[in-house]
Amino acid sequence: GQSRLSNPTPIAAGKEIPLWLRLGTDQNGLSVVLSENFREVDCNAGLAVTVTFSEEAAD
């Protein structure tokens, strides 16, 4: 299964925001809801794209 960010999301410094997920198992794909607890999904393969904003300047 896969899911992507499609709604406005509040930005807070230090908070990870999932942007896109693709998860699956050896048996089949999974239906996935994009949320902060994507690491707890019972799967054995996946890819996640996330972003975390900081209030500190980058070097």
Protein backbone atom coordinates (compact mmCIF):
# COMPACT_ATOMS: atom_id res chain seq x y z
CA GLY A 1 0.00 0.00 0.00
CA GLN A 2 1.02 3.60 -0.30
CA SER A 3 -0.12 6.95 1.01
CA ARG A 4 0.95 10.57 0.58
CA LEU A 5 0.42 13.86 2.37
CA SER A 6 -2.62 15.49 0.77
CA ASN A 7 -3.98 17.78 3.51
CA PRO A 8 -2.57 20.88 5.20
CA THR A 9 -0.35 19.84 8.11
CA PRO A 10 0.83 22.04 10.97
CA ILE A 11 4.61 22.50 11.08
CA ALA A 12 6.37 22.41 14.45
CA ALA A 13 10.12 22.52 14.99
CA GLY A 14 11.54 19.06 15.73
CA LYS A 15 8.37 17.21 14.67
CA GLU A 16 8.81 14.64 11.89
CA ILE A 17 6.16 14.89 9.17
CA PRO A 18 5.62 11.86 6.89
CA LEU A 19 5.23 12.96 3.26
CA TRP A 20 4.98 9.63 1.41
CA LEU A 21 4.91 5.95 2.44
CA ARG A 22 5.00 2.69 0.56
CA LEU A 23 4.74 -0.45 2.71
CA GLY A 24 4.14 -4.15 2.02
CA THR A 25 4.68 -7.76 3.04
CA ASP A 26 5.87 -10.90 1.29
CA GLN A 27 2.23 -11.94 0.89
CA ASN A 28 0.60 -8.76 -0.42
CA GLY A 29 0.37 -4.99 -0.22
CA LEU A 30 -1.04 -3.18 2.79
CA SER A 31 -3.63 -0.46 3.08
CA VAL A 32 -1.74 2.41 4.73
CA VAL A 33 -2.92 5.59 6.43
CA LEU A 34 -0.29 8.31 6.55
CA SER A 35 0.44 9.10 10.20
CA GLU A 36 3.31 9.62 12.61
CA ASN A 37 3.16 5.97 13.77
CA PHE A 38 4.02 4.47 10.37
CA ARG A 39 7.00 2.69 12.01
CA GLU A 40 4.54 0.49 13.92
CA VAL A 41 2.87 -0.99 10.80
CA ASP A 42 3.31 -4.78 10.57
CA CYS A 43 5.30 -5.06 7.33
CA ASN A 44 8.67 -6.36 6.19
CA ALA A 45 9.39 -3.91 3.37
CA GLY A 46 8.86 -0.22 2.96
CA LEU A 47 10.03 3.22 2.07
CA ALA A 48 9.18 6.48 3.84
CA VAL A 49 9.93 10.08 2.94
CA THR A 50 9.70 12.45 5.90
CA VAL A 51 10.73 16.01 6.74
CA THR A 52 11.72 17.60 10.05
CA PHE A 53 12.01 21.37 10.37
CA SER A 54 14.41 23.11 12.78
CA GLU A 55 14.57 26.59 14.22
CA GLU A 56 18.39 26.52 14.02
CA ALA A 57 20.21 27.84 10.97
CA ALA A 58 21.88 25.25 8.73
CA ASP A 59 25.65 25.47 8.28
